[in-house]
Protein backbone atom coordinates (compact mmCIF):
# COMPACT_ATOMS: atom_id res chain seq x y z
CA UNK A 1 0.00 0.00 0.00
CA UNK A 2 1.28 3.45 -0.85
CA UNK A 3 1.95 5.83 2.03
CA UNK A 4 -0.77 8.49 2.23
CA UNK A 5 -0.02 12.13 2.98
CA UNK A 6 -3.69 12.61 3.86
CA UNK A 7 -6.58 10.30 4.79
CA UNK A 8 -10.16 11.24 3.92
CA UNK A 9 -12.63 9.30 6.08
CA UNK A 10 -15.87 9.20 4.08
CA UNK A 11 -17.14 6.03 5.76
CA UNK A 12 -20.85 6.26 6.51
CA UNK A 13 -21.33 9.12 4.05
CA UNK A 14 -23.71 8.67 1.13
CA UNK A 15 -23.43 10.03 -2.41
CA UNK A 16 -22.29 12.67 -3.27
CA UNK A 17 -20.39 13.31 -0.03
CA UNK A 18 -17.46 10.90 -0.64
CA UNK A 19 -16.66 12.65 -3.93
CA UNK A 20 -17.07 16.13 -2.42
CA UNK A 21 -14.81 15.16 0.50
CA UNK A 22 -12.26 13.74 -1.97
CA UNK A 23 -12.29 16.95 -4.01
CA UNK A 24 -11.75 19.03 -0.86
CA UNK A 25 -9.00 16.73 0.43
CA UNK A 26 -6.95 16.75 -2.78
CA UNK A 27 -6.56 20.53 -2.44
CA UNK A 28 -4.79 20.03 0.88
CA UNK A 29 -1.86 17.97 -0.46
CA UNK A 30 1.03 18.71 -2.82
CA UNK A 31 1.41 17.41 -6.37
CA UNK A 32 2.89 13.91 -6.32
CA UNK A 33 1.56 13.11 -2.84
CA UNK A 34 -0.97 10.37 -2.26
CA UNK A 35 -4.31 10.68 -0.53
CA UNK A 36 -6.22 7.72 0.85
CA UNK A 37 -10.01 7.88 0.63
CA UNK A 38 -12.01 5.39 2.71
CA UNK A 39 -15.69 4.98 1.82
CA UNK A 40 -18.56 2.60 2.45
CA UNK A 41 -21.10 3.97 -0.04
CA UNK A 42 -21.49 1.60 -3.03
CA UNK A 43 -21.57 4.56 -5.41
CA UNK A 44 -17.98 5.38 -4.45
CA UNK A 45 -16.84 2.19 -6.20
CA UNK A 46 -17.36 3.91 -9.57
CA UNK A 47 -17.60 7.58 -8.53
CA UNK A 48 -14.13 7.97 -6.99
CA UNK A 49 -12.20 6.40 -9.93
CA UNK A 50 -14.31 8.49 -12.36
CA UNK A 51 -13.58 11.64 -10.35
CA UNK A 52 -9.84 10.89 -10.43
CA UNK A 53 -9.91 10.45 -14.21
CA UNK A 54 -11.98 13.58 -14.81
CA UNK A 55 -9.73 15.74 -12.64
CA UNK A 56 -6.47 14.39 -14.09
CA UNK A 57 -5.36 12.73 -10.86
CA UNK A 58 -4.14 9.14 -10.75
CA UNK A 59 -5.92 6.27 -9.01
CA UNK A 60 -2.82 4.36 -7.90
CA UNK A 61 -4.56 1.50 -6.14
CA UNK A 62 -7.91 0.49 -4.75
CA UNK A 63 -8.97 -2.31 -2.46
CA UNK A 64 -11.99 -3.43 -0.56
CA UNK A 65 -12.17 -5.27 2.76
CA UNK A 66 -14.94 -5.67 5.34
CA UNK A 67 -17.24 -3.34 3.42
CA UNK A 68 -14.72 -0.48 3.30
CA UNK A 69 -13.35 0.65 -0.04
CA UNK A 70 -9.93 2.29 -0.03
CA UNK A 71 -8.75 4.45 -2.90
CA UNK A 72 -5.17 5.70 -3.18
CA UNK A 73 -5.06 8.81 -5.37
CA UNK A 74 -1.88 10.59 -6.49
CA UNK A 75 -2.31 14.31 -7.03
CA UNK A 76 -1.07 15.48 -10.44
């Protein structure tokens, strides 16, 4: 797992909050740093990768365990 400069805890939040929290969080790190987003909303499974693509950031890795999705996003 990549080391995250920032963790966004969006667990328990429903759409569109995980994406909004991700967008806010990415502004708080430097280019090249990685942010970890943790979410439980099923919509995040497609919404977070789509957000990363649309904003030009890189989804480095994603995983899911015990109902929690983790997305590692590198800021471009």
